[in-house]
Amino acid sequence: MMIVLRLVHILAGAFWFGALIFTARILMPSAREAGPAGAPLMAQIGRRIPPMMMASAILTVVAGVWLMMRDAAIGGWMQTSTGRTFGAGGALAILAFIFGMVVNMPAARRMGAIGQVVAKRGGPPTAEESTELARIQKRLGMGTVVVTSLIALATAAMAVARYMP
């Protein structure tokens, strides 16, 4: 069971982190540079990436909590440097998950809805839609940087935890 939990935790976490890096460093800057022309693409991507990120985040957190509970059952393990480092990494990942659900998911949904309206209409976004898209892109960009930073710190903690003195 531990092997399966570790595989799920690591593979889902790798996808989550990789998707965040791709989104923060490639997708969002490209969409910003494309301006209104990027709206239809973001509408399509916005339907696919958020549910996949959410699923990978849920799998990562659930498997990680389960692993932590199994390890914490070993008397005194959480008082070791390794246990505390895994715990800190887990706390950062859970914080990233909550932040992503509260800030990023609603913004991505709204952006996707506007993109679908624009695509159906077949023209460029209206001035109001462009203003709202710019505001949402800024919020989503900030949220993505926060979540990516938290997951980077969580990943770093997980990577070094076994080697803490």
N, C-alpha and C. Protein backbone atom coordinates (compact mmCIF):
# COMPACT_ATOMS: atom_id res chain seq x y z
N MET A 1 0.81 -1.20 0.00
CA MET A 1 0.00 0.00 0.00
C MET A 1 0.86 1.27 0.00
N MET A 2 1.96 1.24 0.74
CA MET A 2 2.84 2.42 0.79
C MET A 2 3.39 2.75 -0.59
N ILE A 3 3.73 1.73 -1.36
CA ILE A 3 4.28 1.99 -2.70
C ILE A 3 3.23 2.67 -3.57
N VAL A 4 2.01 2.20 -3.53
CA VAL A 4 0.94 2.80 -4.32
C VAL A 4 0.70 4.24 -3.88
N LEU A 5 0.63 4.48 -2.58
CA LEU A 5 0.43 5.83 -2.08
C LEU A 5 1.56 6.76 -2.51
N ARG A 6 2.79 6.29 -2.40
CA ARG A 6 3.94 7.12 -2.82
C ARG A 6 3.89 7.41 -4.31
N LEU A 7 3.56 6.40 -5.11
CA LEU A 7 3.46 6.62 -6.56
C LEU A 7 2.38 7.64 -6.89
N VAL A 8 1.21 7.49 -6.30
CA VAL A 8 0.13 8.45 -6.55
C VAL A 8 0.56 9.84 -6.10
N HIS A 9 1.13 9.93 -4.90
CA HIS A 9 1.54 11.22 -4.36
C HIS A 9 2.59 11.89 -5.25
N ILE A 10 3.60 11.15 -5.63
CA ILE A 10 4.70 11.74 -6.40
C ILE A 10 4.28 12.05 -7.84
N LEU A 11 3.59 11.13 -8.52
CA LEU A 11 3.20 11.37 -9.90
C LEU A 11 2.16 12.49 -10.01
N ALA A 12 1.16 12.47 -9.14
CA ALA A 12 0.16 13.55 -9.16
C ALA A 12 0.80 14.88 -8.79
N GLY A 13 1.70 14.86 -7.80
CA GLY A 13 2.39 16.09 -7.41
C GLY A 13 3.28 16.63 -8.52
N ALA A 14 3.95 15.74 -9.23
CA ALA A 14 4.80 16.16 -10.36
C ALA A 14 3.95 16.82 -11.45
N PHE A 15 2.78 16.21 -11.73
CA PHE A 15 1.89 16.82 -12.73
C PHE A 15 1.41 18.18 -12.26
N TRP A 16 0.97 18.26 -11.01
CA TRP A 16 0.46 19.52 -10.45
C TRP A 16 1.51 20.61 -10.55
N PHE A 17 2.72 20.32 -10.10
CA PHE A 17 3.80 21.30 -10.13
C PHE A 17 4.17 21.66 -11.57
N GLY A 18 4.28 20.66 -12.43
CA GLY A 18 4.62 20.91 -13.83
C GLY A 18 3.57 21.76 -14.54
N ALA A 19 2.30 21.46 -14.29
CA ALA A 19 1.22 22.24 -14.90
C ALA A 19 1.24 23.67 -14.40
N LEU A 20 1.56 23.86 -13.12
CA LEU A 20 1.65 25.21 -12.58
C LEU A 20 2.80 25.99 -13.22
N ILE A 21 3.95 25.35 -13.35
CA ILE A 21 5.10 26.02 -13.99
C ILE A 21 4.76 26.38 -15.44
N PHE A 22 4.17 25.43 -16.17
CA PHE A 22 3.78 25.69 -17.56
C PHE A 22 2.81 26.87 -17.63
N THR A 23 1.82 26.86 -16.75
CA THR A 23 0.81 27.92 -16.76
C THR A 23 1.42 29.28 -16.40
N ALA A 24 2.23 29.30 -15.34
CA ALA A 24 2.78 30.57 -14.85
C ALA A 24 3.84 31.14 -15.77
N ARG A 25 4.68 30.29 -16.35
CA ARG A 25 5.84 30.78 -17.10
C ARG A 25 5.65 30.81 -18.62
N ILE A 26 4.68 30.03 -19.14
CA ILE A 26 4.51 29.96 -20.59
C ILE A 26 3.12 30.40 -21.03
N LEU A 27 2.09 29.74 -20.52
CA LEU A 27 0.73 29.97 -20.99
C LEU A 27 0.23 31.38 -20.69
N MET A 28 0.27 31.79 -19.44
CA MET A 28 -0.30 33.10 -19.08
C MET A 28 0.46 34.26 -19.71
N PRO A 29 1.81 34.24 -19.71
CA PRO A 29 2.49 35.34 -20.41
C PRO A 29 2.17 35.37 -21.91
N SER A 30 2.03 34.21 -22.52
CA SER A 30 1.68 34.17 -23.95
C SER A 30 0.28 34.71 -24.20
N ALA A 31 -0.66 34.35 -23.33
CA ALA A 31 -2.02 34.85 -23.47
C ALA A 31 -2.07 36.36 -23.29
N ARG A 32 -1.28 36.88 -22.35
CA ARG A 32 -1.23 38.33 -22.15
C ARG A 32 -0.69 39.02 -23.40
N GLU A 33 0.38 38.46 -23.96
CA GLU A 33 0.98 39.07 -25.15
C GLU A 33 0.05 38.99 -26.36
N ALA A 34 -0.78 37.96 -26.42
CA ALA A 34 -1.71 37.82 -27.55
C ALA A 34 -2.87 38.79 -27.45
N GLY A 35 -3.11 39.32 -26.25
CA GLY A 35 -4.20 40.27 -26.06
C GLY A 35 -5.55 39.61 -26.28
N PRO A 36 -6.49 40.34 -26.87
CA PRO A 36 -7.84 39.80 -27.08
C PRO A 36 -7.85 38.54 -27.95
N ALA A 37 -6.87 38.39 -28.81
CA ALA A 37 -6.82 37.21 -29.68
C ALA A 37 -6.59 35.93 -28.88
N GLY A 38 -6.07 36.05 -27.66
CA GLY A 38 -5.82 34.88 -26.83
C GLY A 38 -7.05 34.35 -26.12
N ALA A 39 -8.15 35.12 -26.13
CA ALA A 39 -9.35 34.73 -25.39
C ALA A 39 -9.93 33.39 -25.83
N PRO A 40 -10.10 33.14 -27.14
CA PRO A 40 -10.66 31.83 -27.53
C PRO A 40 -9.77 30.65 -27.11
N LEU A 41 -8.48 30.82 -27.23
CA LEU A 41 -7.57 29.75 -26.81
C LEU A 41 -7.66 29.53 -25.31
N MET A 42 -7.67 30.61 -24.55
CA MET A 42 -7.77 30.49 -23.09
C MET A 42 -9.10 29.85 -22.68
N ALA A 43 -10.16 30.11 -23.46
CA ALA A 43 -11.45 29.49 -23.16
C ALA A 43 -11.34 27.97 -23.31
N GLN A 44 -10.68 27.52 -24.35
CA GLN A 44 -10.52 26.08 -24.56
C GLN A 44 -9.61 25.46 -23.51
N ILE A 45 -8.50 26.10 -23.26
CA ILE A 45 -7.55 25.59 -22.27
C ILE A 45 -8.16 25.65 -20.88
N GLY A 46 -8.91 26.71 -20.62
CA GLY A 46 -9.54 26.88 -19.32
C GLY A 46 -10.55 25.81 -18.98
N ARG A 47 -11.05 25.12 -19.98
CA ARG A 47 -11.97 24.00 -19.72
C ARG A 47 -11.22 22.73 -19.37
N ARG A 48 -9.96 22.62 -19.76
CA ARG A 48 -9.22 21.38 -19.59
C ARG A 48 -8.22 21.40 -18.43
N ILE A 49 -7.44 22.44 -18.34
CA ILE A 49 -6.36 22.47 -17.35
C ILE A 49 -6.88 22.54 -15.90
N PRO A 50 -7.80 23.45 -15.56
CA PRO A 50 -8.22 23.52 -14.15
C PRO A 50 -8.75 22.20 -13.58
N PRO A 51 -9.62 21.46 -14.29
CA PRO A 51 -10.07 20.19 -13.70
C PRO A 51 -8.92 19.18 -13.53
N MET A 52 -7.99 19.18 -14.46
CA MET A 52 -6.86 18.26 -14.34
C MET A 52 -5.95 18.66 -13.18
N MET A 53 -5.73 19.97 -13.02
CA MET A 53 -4.92 20.44 -11.89
C MET A 53 -5.63 20.13 -10.58
N MET A 54 -6.95 20.33 -10.55
CA MET A 54 -7.69 20.06 -9.31
C MET A 54 -7.59 18.57 -8.97
N ALA A 55 -7.77 17.71 -9.95
CA ALA A 55 -7.69 16.27 -9.69
C ALA A 55 -6.30 15.88 -9.20
N SER A 56 -5.26 16.41 -9.84
CA SER A 56 -3.91 16.07 -9.40
C SER A 56 -3.62 16.64 -8.02
N ALA A 57 -4.13 17.83 -7.72
CA ALA A 57 -3.93 18.43 -6.40
C ALA A 57 -4.63 17.60 -5.33
N ILE A 58 -5.86 17.18 -5.61
CA ILE A 58 -6.60 16.37 -4.65
C ILE A 58 -5.88 15.05 -4.41
N LEU A 59 -5.46 14.39 -5.48
CA LEU A 59 -4.73 13.12 -5.33
C LEU A 59 -3.45 13.32 -4.53
N THR A 60 -2.72 14.39 -4.83
CA THR A 60 -1.47 14.68 -4.12
C THR A 60 -1.72 14.88 -2.63
N VAL A 61 -2.68 15.72 -2.31
CA VAL A 61 -2.94 16.05 -0.91
C VAL A 61 -3.49 14.83 -0.15
N VAL A 62 -4.45 14.13 -0.75
CA VAL A 62 -5.04 12.97 -0.07
C VAL A 62 -3.99 11.89 0.17
N ALA A 63 -3.21 11.57 -0.87
CA ALA A 63 -2.17 10.55 -0.70
C ALA A 63 -1.12 11.02 0.30
N GLY A 64 -0.78 12.30 0.26
CA GLY A 64 0.22 12.83 1.20
C GLY A 64 -0.26 12.78 2.64
N VAL A 65 -1.52 13.14 2.86
CA VAL A 65 -2.07 13.08 4.23
C VAL A 65 -2.10 11.63 4.70
N TRP A 66 -2.49 10.73 3.82
CA TRP A 66 -2.54 9.31 4.18
C TRP A 66 -1.14 8.81 4.53
N LEU A 67 -0.14 9.16 3.72
CA LEU A 67 1.24 8.78 4.02
C LEU A 67 1.68 9.36 5.36
N MET A 68 1.35 10.62 5.59
CA MET A 68 1.74 11.28 6.84
C MET A 68 1.10 10.60 8.04
N MET A 69 -0.17 10.22 7.91
CA MET A 69 -0.85 9.55 9.02
C MET A 69 -0.19 8.20 9.32
N ARG A 70 0.21 7.49 8.27
CA ARG A 70 0.87 6.20 8.47
C ARG A 70 2.22 6.40 9.16
N ASP A 71 2.97 7.39 8.70
CA ASP A 71 4.28 7.65 9.31
C ASP A 71 4.16 8.22 10.72
N ALA A 72 3.15 9.06 10.93
CA ALA A 72 2.97 9.67 12.26
C ALA A 72 2.58 8.63 13.31
N ALA A 73 2.05 7.50 12.87
CA ALA A 73 1.69 6.43 13.80
C ALA A 73 2.93 5.84 14.48
N ILE A 74 4.09 6.07 13.87
CA ILE A 74 5.36 5.64 14.47
C ILE A 74 5.66 6.63 15.59
N GLY A 75 5.74 6.17 16.79
CA GLY A 75 5.92 7.03 17.95
C GLY A 75 7.07 8.02 17.80
N GLY A 76 6.78 9.30 17.99
CA GLY A 76 7.81 10.33 17.99
C GLY A 76 8.30 10.77 16.61
N TRP A 77 7.78 10.17 15.54
CA TRP A 77 8.28 10.48 14.20
C TRP A 77 8.10 11.96 13.85
N MET A 78 6.96 12.52 14.26
CA MET A 78 6.70 13.93 13.93
C MET A 78 7.60 14.89 14.70
N GLN A 79 8.30 14.41 15.72
CA GLN A 79 9.23 15.27 16.45
C GLN A 79 10.62 15.23 15.85
N THR A 80 10.83 14.39 14.84
CA THR A 80 12.13 14.34 14.18
C THR A 80 12.22 15.45 13.14
N SER A 81 13.43 15.79 12.72
CA SER A 81 13.62 16.79 11.67
C SER A 81 12.94 16.35 10.38
N THR A 82 13.03 15.07 10.09
CA THR A 82 12.39 14.54 8.88
C THR A 82 10.88 14.71 8.96
N GLY A 83 10.30 14.32 10.07
CA GLY A 83 8.85 14.43 10.24
C GLY A 83 8.37 15.87 10.17
N ARG A 84 9.10 16.78 10.82
CA ARG A 84 8.72 18.19 10.79
C ARG A 84 8.85 18.77 9.38
N THR A 85 9.87 18.36 8.64
CA THR A 85 10.06 18.88 7.28
C THR A 85 8.96 18.35 6.36
N PHE A 86 8.64 17.06 6.46
CA PHE A 86 7.50 16.53 5.69
C PHE A 86 6.22 17.26 6.08
N GLY A 87 6.03 17.50 7.37
CA GLY A 87 4.84 18.20 7.84
C GLY A 87 4.75 19.62 7.29
N ALA A 88 5.88 20.33 7.29
CA ALA A 88 5.90 21.69 6.74
C ALA A 88 5.58 21.67 5.24
N GLY A 89 6.17 20.72 4.53
CA GLY A 89 5.88 20.60 3.09
C GLY A 89 4.42 20.30 2.85
N GLY A 90 3.86 19.41 3.66
CA GLY A 90 2.44 19.10 3.52
C GLY A 90 1.56 20.30 3.81
N ALA A 91 1.90 21.06 4.84
CA ALA A 91 1.12 22.25 5.17
C ALA A 91 1.17 23.27 4.04
N LEU A 92 2.33 23.44 3.42
CA LEU A 92 2.45 24.36 2.29
C LEU A 92 1.61 23.89 1.10
N ALA A 93 1.61 22.59 0.84
CA ALA A 93 0.81 22.05 -0.27
C ALA A 93 -0.68 22.23 -0.01
N ILE A 94 -1.10 21.98 1.22
CA ILE A 94 -2.52 22.17 1.55
C ILE A 94 -2.91 23.64 1.43
N LEU A 95 -2.04 24.53 1.88
CA LEU A 95 -2.29 25.97 1.73
C LEU A 95 -2.39 26.35 0.26
N ALA A 96 -1.51 25.81 -0.56
CA ALA A 96 -1.55 26.08 -2.01
C ALA A 96 -2.87 25.58 -2.60
N PHE A 97 -3.29 24.40 -2.20
CA PHE A 97 -4.54 23.83 -2.70
C PHE A 97 -5.72 24.73 -2.34
N ILE A 98 -5.79 25.15 -1.08
CA ILE A 98 -6.89 26.01 -0.64
C ILE A 98 -6.86 27.34 -1.39
N PHE A 99 -5.70 27.94 -1.50
CA PHE A 99 -5.57 29.22 -2.20
C PHE A 99 -6.01 29.07 -3.66
N GLY A 100 -5.57 27.99 -4.30
CA GLY A 100 -5.96 27.75 -5.69
C GLY A 100 -7.45 27.58 -5.86
N MET A 101 -8.09 26.91 -4.91
CA MET A 101 -9.53 26.70 -4.99
C MET A 101 -10.31 27.99 -4.74
N VAL A 102 -9.80 28.83 -3.86
CA VAL A 102 -10.52 30.06 -3.49
C VAL A 102 -10.26 31.19 -4.49
N VAL A 103 -9.05 31.28 -5.03
CA VAL A 103 -8.69 32.40 -5.90
C VAL A 103 -8.67 31.97 -7.38
N ASN A 104 -7.91 30.94 -7.71
CA ASN A 104 -7.68 30.60 -9.11
C ASN A 104 -8.87 29.96 -9.81
N MET A 105 -9.53 29.01 -9.16
CA MET A 105 -10.62 28.31 -9.83
C MET A 105 -11.76 29.26 -10.23
N PRO A 106 -12.25 30.13 -9.36
CA PRO A 106 -13.31 31.04 -9.79
C PRO A 106 -12.86 31.97 -10.93
N ALA A 107 -11.62 32.43 -10.85
CA ALA A 107 -11.10 33.32 -11.90
C ALA A 107 -11.01 32.57 -13.23
N ALA A 108 -10.52 31.34 -13.21
CA ALA A 108 -10.41 30.55 -14.44
C ALA A 108 -11.79 30.27 -15.03
N ARG A 109 -12.75 29.97 -14.18
CA ARG A 109 -14.12 29.72 -14.66
C ARG A 109 -14.70 30.97 -15.33
N ARG A 110 -14.52 32.11 -14.69
CA ARG A 110 -15.07 33.36 -15.24
C ARG A 110 -14.39 33.70 -16.57
N MET A 111 -13.08 33.52 -16.62
CA MET A 111 -12.36 33.79 -17.86
C MET A 111 -12.85 32.87 -18.97
N GLY A 112 -13.04 31.59 -18.64
CA GLY A 112 -13.55 30.64 -19.63
C GLY A 112 -14.93 31.00 -20.11
N ALA A 113 -15.80 31.46 -19.22
CA ALA A 113 -17.16 31.85 -19.59
C ALA A 113 -17.14 33.04 -20.55
N ILE A 114 -16.32 34.01 -20.25
CA ILE A 114 -16.21 35.18 -21.13
C ILE A 114 -15.66 34.74 -22.49
N GLY A 115 -14.64 33.89 -22.48
CA GLY A 115 -14.05 33.41 -23.72
C GLY A 115 -15.06 32.67 -24.57
N GLN A 116 -15.94 31.90 -23.96
CA GLN A 116 -16.96 31.18 -24.72
C GLN A 116 -17.96 32.14 -25.35
N VAL A 117 -18.35 33.17 -24.62
CA VAL A 117 -19.27 34.17 -25.15
C VAL A 117 -18.63 34.86 -26.36
N VAL A 118 -17.38 35.23 -26.21
CA VAL A 118 -16.67 35.91 -27.30
C VAL A 118 -16.54 34.99 -28.51
N ALA A 119 -16.21 33.72 -28.28
CA ALA A 119 -16.05 32.77 -29.38
C ALA A 119 -17.37 32.54 -30.11
N LYS A 120 -18.47 32.44 -29.38
CA LYS A 120 -19.79 32.23 -29.99
C LYS A 120 -20.20 33.43 -30.82
N ARG A 121 -19.86 34.61 -30.32
CA ARG A 121 -20.21 35.83 -31.03
C ARG A 121 -19.37 35.97 -32.30
N GLY A 122 -18.16 35.44 -32.26
CA GLY A 122 -17.31 35.44 -33.44
C GLY A 122 -16.54 36.71 -33.68
N GLY A 123 -16.48 37.58 -32.74
CA GLY A 123 -15.73 38.82 -32.92
C GLY A 123 -14.81 39.03 -31.75
N PRO A 124 -14.18 40.19 -31.72
CA PRO A 124 -13.32 40.50 -30.58
C PRO A 124 -14.16 40.79 -29.35
N PRO A 125 -13.56 40.71 -28.18
CA PRO A 125 -14.31 41.05 -26.96
C PRO A 125 -14.72 42.51 -26.97
N THR A 126 -15.83 42.79 -26.31
CA THR A 126 -16.25 44.18 -26.15
C THR A 126 -15.27 44.88 -25.22
N ALA A 127 -15.40 46.18 -25.12
CA ALA A 127 -14.52 46.94 -24.22
C ALA A 127 -14.69 46.48 -22.78
N GLU A 128 -15.94 46.23 -22.38
CA GLU A 128 -16.20 45.75 -21.01
C GLU A 128 -15.59 44.37 -20.79
N GLU A 129 -15.75 43.49 -21.78
CA GLU A 129 -15.19 42.14 -21.67
C GLU A 129 -13.67 42.20 -21.61
N SER A 130 -13.07 43.06 -22.42
CA SER A 130 -11.62 43.22 -22.41
C SER A 130 -11.12 43.71 -21.06
N THR A 131 -11.83 44.67 -20.49
CA THR A 131 -11.46 45.19 -19.18
C THR A 131 -11.55 44.10 -18.11
N GLU A 132 -12.67 43.34 -18.16
CA GLU A 132 -12.84 42.28 -17.17
C GLU A 132 -11.81 41.17 -17.38
N LEU A 133 -11.54 40.82 -18.64
CA LEU A 133 -10.52 39.80 -18.91
C LEU A 133 -9.15 40.23 -18.39
N ALA A 134 -8.80 41.48 -18.58
CA ALA A 134 -7.51 41.98 -18.10
C ALA A 134 -7.45 41.90 -16.57
N ARG A 135 -8.55 42.27 -15.91
CA ARG A 135 -8.59 42.20 -14.44
C ARG A 135 -8.47 40.75 -13.97
N ILE A 136 -9.20 39.85 -14.63
CA ILE A 136 -9.15 38.43 -14.24
C ILE A 136 -7.77 37.85 -14.52
N GLN A 137 -7.18 38.20 -15.66
CA GLN A 137 -5.84 37.70 -15.97
C GLN A 137 -4.84 38.13 -14.91
N LYS A 138 -4.95 39.37 -14.46
CA LYS A 138 -4.04 39.86 -13.43
C LYS A 138 -4.23 39.08 -12.13
N ARG A 139 -5.48 38.88 -11.73
CA ARG A 139 -5.78 38.12 -10.50
C ARG A 139 -5.30 36.68 -10.64
N LEU A 140 -5.59 36.06 -11.77
CA LEU A 140 -5.18 34.68 -11.99
C LEU A 140 -3.66 34.56 -12.06
N GLY A 141 -3.02 35.55 -12.65
CA GLY A 141 -1.56 35.55 -12.71
C GLY A 141 -0.94 35.62 -11.32
N MET A 142 -1.46 36.52 -10.49
CA MET A 142 -0.97 36.64 -9.11
C MET A 142 -1.24 35.35 -8.34
N GLY A 143 -2.45 34.82 -8.49
CA GLY A 143 -2.79 33.58 -7.80
C GLY A 143 -1.93 32.41 -8.22
N THR A 144 -1.64 32.35 -9.50
CA THR A 144 -0.80 31.26 -10.02
C THR A 144 0.62 31.37 -9.49
N VAL A 145 1.14 32.58 -9.39
CA VAL A 145 2.48 32.77 -8.84
C VAL A 145 2.51 32.35 -7.36
N VAL A 146 1.47 32.70 -6.61
CA VAL A 146 1.42 32.32 -5.19
C VAL A 146 1.36 30.80 -5.05
N VAL A 147 0.45 30.16 -5.78
CA VAL A 147 0.30 28.71 -5.68
C VAL A 147 1.58 28.01 -6.15
N THR A 148 2.16 28.47 -7.24
CA THR A 148 3.39 27.87 -7.76
C THR A 148 4.51 28.00 -6.75
N SER A 149 4.62 29.16 -6.11
CA SER A 149 5.67 29.36 -5.11
C SER A 149 5.48 28.44 -3.91
N LEU A 150 4.23 28.32 -3.45
CA LEU A 150 3.96 27.43 -2.32
C LEU A 150 4.27 25.97 -2.68
N ILE A 151 3.90 25.56 -3.89
CA ILE A 151 4.16 24.17 -4.31
C ILE A 151 5.66 23.96 -4.52
N ALA A 152 6.36 24.96 -4.99
CA ALA A 152 7.82 24.83 -5.13
C ALA A 152 8.46 24.62 -3.76
N LEU A 153 8.01 25.38 -2.77
CA LEU A 153 8.54 25.21 -1.41
C LEU A 153 8.14 23.85 -0.83
N ALA A 154 6.91 23.42 -1.07
CA ALA A 154 6.47 22.11 -0.59
C ALA A 154 7.28 21.00 -1.24
N THR A 155 7.51 21.11 -2.54
CA THR A 155 8.29 20.10 -3.26
C THR A 155 9.73 20.07 -2.74
N ALA A 156 10.29 21.23 -2.49
CA ALA A 156 11.66 21.29 -1.95
C ALA A 156 11.72 20.63 -0.58
N ALA A 157 10.73 20.90 0.27
CA ALA A 157 10.70 20.27 1.60
C ALA A 157 10.61 18.75 1.47
N MET A 158 9.76 18.28 0.59
CA MET A 158 9.62 16.82 0.41
C MET A 158 10.92 16.21 -0.12
N ALA A 159 11.59 16.94 -0.99
CA ALA A 159 12.81 16.41 -1.60
C ALA A 159 13.95 16.26 -0.58
N VAL A 160 14.01 17.14 0.40
CA VAL A 160 15.14 17.11 1.34
C VAL A 160 14.80 16.51 2.71
N ALA A 161 13.52 16.24 2.95
CA ALA A 161 13.08 15.85 4.29
C ALA A 161 13.86 14.65 4.84
N ARG A 162 14.08 13.64 4.06
CA ARG A 162 14.76 12.43 4.54
C ARG A 162 16.23 12.68 4.91
N TYR A 163 16.77 13.80 4.47
CA TYR A 163 18.18 14.07 4.69
C TYR A 163 18.41 15.15 5.75
N MET A 164 17.34 15.56 6.42
CA MET A 164 17.48 16.58 7.47
C MET A 164 18.19 15.97 8.68
N PRO A 165 19.11 16.72 9.26
CA PRO A 165 19.86 16.17 10.40
C PRO A 165 18.98 16.02 11.64
